[in-house]
Amino acid sequence: MKAHRFMLFAVLMSLCTVAFAQSDMEKSDAQKSSVAAVPSEAQKSFATLKSLAGEWEGPATALEMPEMSGKMHISLRVTSRGNALVHELQEAGTPLDATKYDHPVTMFYVDGDQLTLIHYCDAGNRPRMTGKMSPDGKTVEFELKDISGSTEMHMHHSVFTIIDANHHTEDWTFMMGDKPIHAHFDLQRKN
């Protein structure tokens, strides 16, 4: 008889546990959908940039310094469980050796209600910019917010324009003292 009471007690406890777990799962799903239902402008802009994940190549034109023009390779990779986008730039055909060749890294992420980028520059500083998407949803433009490190030479402004799924452009403005240097990248998807 004691065995039957114990068995009945165990079955009832199991059913209660399952019922509570399902109730908690339903609450979590409802809470998640209410939070995810209306993405902020920063989240929309970030999703647009994340659609560029992949390998890209194309010509870079430095408008004020044509001798610095050439073919570039850009890698964009979503990381940190989708919370960050890594942008790595190098001259096409050069080995991946950041100690010998330029290899700046830029991180994109949403910080509160702002789309933010931090550019880890070969000049040894870290400009931070905030971005906004154009009304047509094809361009994300970044304005300088602040800089860690030297301000004499720094990345000051950037614009990402999506032409289609396999073609985008990047425009970067680098400040050398008070002289802006504009670089335009016309990039095709490689994978």
Protein backbone atom coordinates (compact mmCIF):
# COMPACT_ATOMS: atom_id res chain seq x y z
CA MET A 1 0.00 0.00 0.00
CA LYS A 2 2.83 2.39 0.89
CA ALA A 3 4.37 1.70 -2.52
CA HIS A 4 1.12 2.72 -4.29
CA ARG A 5 0.84 5.97 -2.27
CA PHE A 6 4.47 6.79 -3.05
CA MET A 7 3.91 6.04 -6.75
CA LEU A 8 0.77 8.23 -6.81
CA PHE A 9 2.66 11.04 -5.04
CA ALA A 10 5.54 10.79 -7.54
CA VAL A 11 3.18 10.91 -10.53
CA LEU A 12 1.32 13.95 -9.14
CA MET A 13 4.60 15.77 -8.48
CA SER A 14 5.77 15.03 -12.02
CA LEU A 15 2.54 16.42 -13.50
CA CYS A 16 2.83 19.59 -11.40
CA THR A 17 6.43 20.08 -12.47
CA VAL A 18 5.49 19.70 -16.16
CA ALA A 19 2.55 22.11 -15.77
CA PHE A 20 4.71 24.77 -14.09
CA ALA A 21 7.47 24.35 -16.66
CA GLN A 22 4.99 24.76 -19.55
CA SER A 23 3.49 27.82 -17.88
CA ASP A 24 6.95 29.37 -17.47
CA MET A 25 7.84 28.55 -21.09
CA GLU A 26 4.63 30.22 -22.31
CA LYS A 27 5.39 33.34 -20.27
CA SER A 28 8.94 33.46 -21.59
CA ASP A 29 7.75 33.12 -25.20
CA ALA A 30 5.11 35.81 -24.69
CA GLN A 31 7.65 38.13 -23.09
CA LYS A 32 10.18 37.45 -25.85
CA SER A 33 7.68 38.15 -28.63
CA SER A 34 6.57 41.44 -27.05
CA VAL A 35 10.20 42.59 -26.80
CA ALA A 36 11.14 41.42 -30.31
CA ALA A 37 7.93 42.66 -31.93
CA VAL A 38 9.07 46.26 -32.46
CA PRO A 39 12.81 46.58 -33.27
CA SER A 40 14.35 49.99 -32.65
CA GLU A 41 15.87 52.06 -35.44
CA ALA A 42 19.31 51.01 -34.18
CA GLN A 43 18.33 47.33 -34.34
CA LYS A 44 16.96 47.76 -37.89
CA SER A 45 20.18 49.48 -38.97
CA PHE A 46 22.26 46.74 -37.35
CA ALA A 47 20.22 44.02 -39.09
CA THR A 48 20.87 45.80 -42.40
CA LEU A 49 24.62 45.78 -41.76
CA LYS A 50 24.59 42.14 -40.64
CA SER A 51 23.11 41.22 -44.05
CA LEU A 52 26.57 42.10 -45.44
CA ALA A 53 28.26 39.20 -43.61
CA GLY A 54 30.73 37.51 -45.96
CA GLU A 55 33.87 38.15 -47.99
CA TRP A 56 34.06 41.17 -50.31
CA GLU A 57 36.60 42.52 -52.81
CA GLY A 58 36.86 45.52 -55.04
CA PRO A 59 38.71 48.68 -55.93
CA ALA A 60 39.38 51.39 -53.39
CA THR A 61 39.86 54.93 -54.57
CA ALA A 62 41.49 57.53 -52.34
CA LEU A 63 40.23 60.72 -53.91
CA GLU A 64 42.88 63.09 -52.53
CA MET A 65 45.72 60.54 -52.73
CA PRO A 66 45.37 58.40 -55.90
CA GLU A 67 48.66 56.63 -55.12
CA MET A 68 46.90 54.97 -52.16
CA SER A 69 44.21 53.40 -54.38
CA GLY A 70 44.12 49.65 -55.01
CA LYS A 71 42.15 46.44 -54.68
CA MET A 72 40.86 45.69 -51.17
CA HIS A 73 39.52 42.64 -49.37
CA ILE A 74 36.92 43.08 -46.64
CA SER A 75 35.61 40.40 -44.32
CA LEU A 76 32.38 40.98 -42.41
CA ARG A 77 31.53 38.41 -39.74
CA VAL A 78 28.61 38.23 -37.29
CA THR A 79 29.84 37.16 -33.86
CA SER A 80 28.98 37.21 -30.15
CA ARG A 81 25.64 35.37 -30.64
CA GLY A 82 24.56 37.93 -33.20
CA ASN A 83 25.33 40.95 -31.01
CA ALA A 84 28.40 42.20 -32.90
CA LEU A 85 29.63 42.51 -36.47
CA VAL A 86 33.38 42.43 -37.16
CA HIS A 87 34.69 44.32 -40.23
CA GLU A 88 38.29 43.53 -41.24
CA LEU A 89 40.06 45.36 -44.04
CA GLN A 90 43.24 44.46 -45.86
CA GLU A 91 44.83 44.99 -49.24
CA ALA A 92 43.78 42.13 -51.55
CA GLY A 93 46.52 39.57 -52.10
CA THR A 94 48.52 40.40 -48.97
CA PRO A 95 49.07 37.82 -46.25
CA LEU A 96 46.95 38.11 -43.13
CA ASP A 97 49.77 39.55 -41.03
CA ALA A 98 48.67 42.65 -39.11
CA THR A 99 52.22 43.22 -37.85
CA LYS A 100 53.47 43.97 -41.40
CA TYR A 101 50.38 45.13 -43.33
CA ASP A 102 47.50 47.47 -42.61
CA HIS A 103 44.63 45.54 -41.11
CA PRO A 104 42.16 47.83 -39.29
CA VAL A 105 39.26 46.19 -37.48
CA THR A 106 35.88 47.79 -36.91
CA MET A 107 33.23 46.48 -34.51
CA PHE A 108 29.54 47.29 -34.92
CA TYR A 109 26.95 46.76 -32.17
CA VAL A 110 23.77 48.21 -30.69
CA ASP A 111 24.38 50.21 -27.51
CA GLY A 112 21.04 51.19 -25.96
CA ASP A 113 19.20 53.10 -28.67
CA GLN A 114 22.35 53.74 -30.78
CA LEU A 115 24.00 51.80 -33.57
CA THR A 116 27.67 52.16 -32.67
CA LEU A 117 30.96 51.37 -34.33
CA ILE A 118 34.44 51.40 -32.88
CA HIS A 119 37.25 51.52 -35.43
CA TYR A 120 40.50 49.99 -34.17
CA CYS A 121 42.73 52.03 -36.42
CA ASP A 122 46.25 51.32 -37.65
CA ALA A 123 46.96 54.89 -36.46
CA GLY A 124 46.69 53.52 -32.90
CA ASN A 125 43.43 55.16 -31.88
CA ARG A 126 39.80 54.11 -31.53
CA PRO A 127 37.22 56.47 -33.00
CA ARG A 128 33.66 55.73 -31.90
CA MET A 129 30.81 56.66 -34.23
CA THR A 130 27.05 56.40 -34.10
CA GLY A 131 25.00 55.49 -37.15
CA LYS A 132 21.58 56.04 -38.63
CA MET A 133 19.85 54.39 -41.55
CA SER A 134 18.46 56.39 -44.45
CA PRO A 135 14.67 56.41 -44.96
CA ASP A 136 15.00 54.04 -47.95
CA GLY A 137 16.84 51.48 -45.75
CA LYS A 138 19.83 51.19 -48.10
CA THR A 139 22.39 53.46 -46.46
CA VAL A 140 23.81 53.58 -42.95
CA GLU A 141 25.81 56.73 -42.16
CA PHE A 142 28.12 57.08 -39.15
CA GLU A 143 29.13 60.33 -37.45
CA LEU A 144 32.07 60.72 -35.07
CA LYS A 145 31.10 60.69 -31.38
CA ASP A 146 34.50 60.57 -29.67
CA ILE A 147 38.04 59.14 -29.92
CA SER A 148 40.28 57.20 -27.56
CA GLY A 149 43.94 57.86 -28.28
CA SER A 150 45.54 60.41 -30.57
CA THR A 151 43.19 62.67 -32.52
CA GLU A 152 45.79 64.01 -34.97
CA MET A 153 45.07 61.29 -37.57
CA HIS A 154 41.80 59.41 -37.25
CA MET A 155 38.82 57.90 -39.04
CA HIS A 156 36.10 60.52 -38.87
CA HIS A 157 33.05 59.44 -40.89
CA SER A 158 31.75 56.41 -42.79
CA VAL A 159 28.83 55.51 -45.04
CA PHE A 160 27.71 51.99 -46.05
CA THR A 161 25.40 51.79 -49.07
CA ILE A 162 23.78 48.52 -50.10
CA ILE A 163 23.29 48.28 -53.86
CA ASP A 164 22.00 44.68 -53.77
CA ALA A 165 22.78 41.42 -51.93
CA ASN A 166 26.12 41.06 -53.79
CA HIS A 167 27.24 44.67 -54.14
CA HIS A 168 27.80 47.44 -51.62
CA THR A 169 29.95 50.53 -51.27
CA GLU A 170 31.78 51.99 -48.31
CA ASP A 171 32.92 55.58 -48.02
CA TRP A 172 35.38 56.41 -45.25
CA THR A 173 36.78 59.82 -44.29
CA PHE A 174 40.18 59.84 -42.60
CA MET A 175 41.42 63.07 -41.04
CA MET A 176 45.12 63.95 -41.33
CA GLY A 177 45.24 66.94 -39.00
CA ASP A 178 42.55 69.17 -40.46
CA LYS A 179 42.80 67.66 -43.97
CA PRO A 180 40.13 65.06 -44.89
CA ILE A 181 41.10 62.07 -47.03
CA HIS A 182 38.10 60.35 -48.66
CA ALA A 183 38.26 56.68 -49.64
CA HIS A 184 35.58 54.95 -51.70
CA PHE A 185 35.30 51.13 -51.80
CA ASP A 186 33.19 49.48 -54.52
CA LEU A 187 32.77 45.90 -53.28
CA GLN A 188 31.46 42.67 -54.78
CA ARG A 189 30.60 39.60 -52.70
CA LYS A 190 33.18 36.81 -53.04
CA ASN A 191 31.13 34.05 -51.33
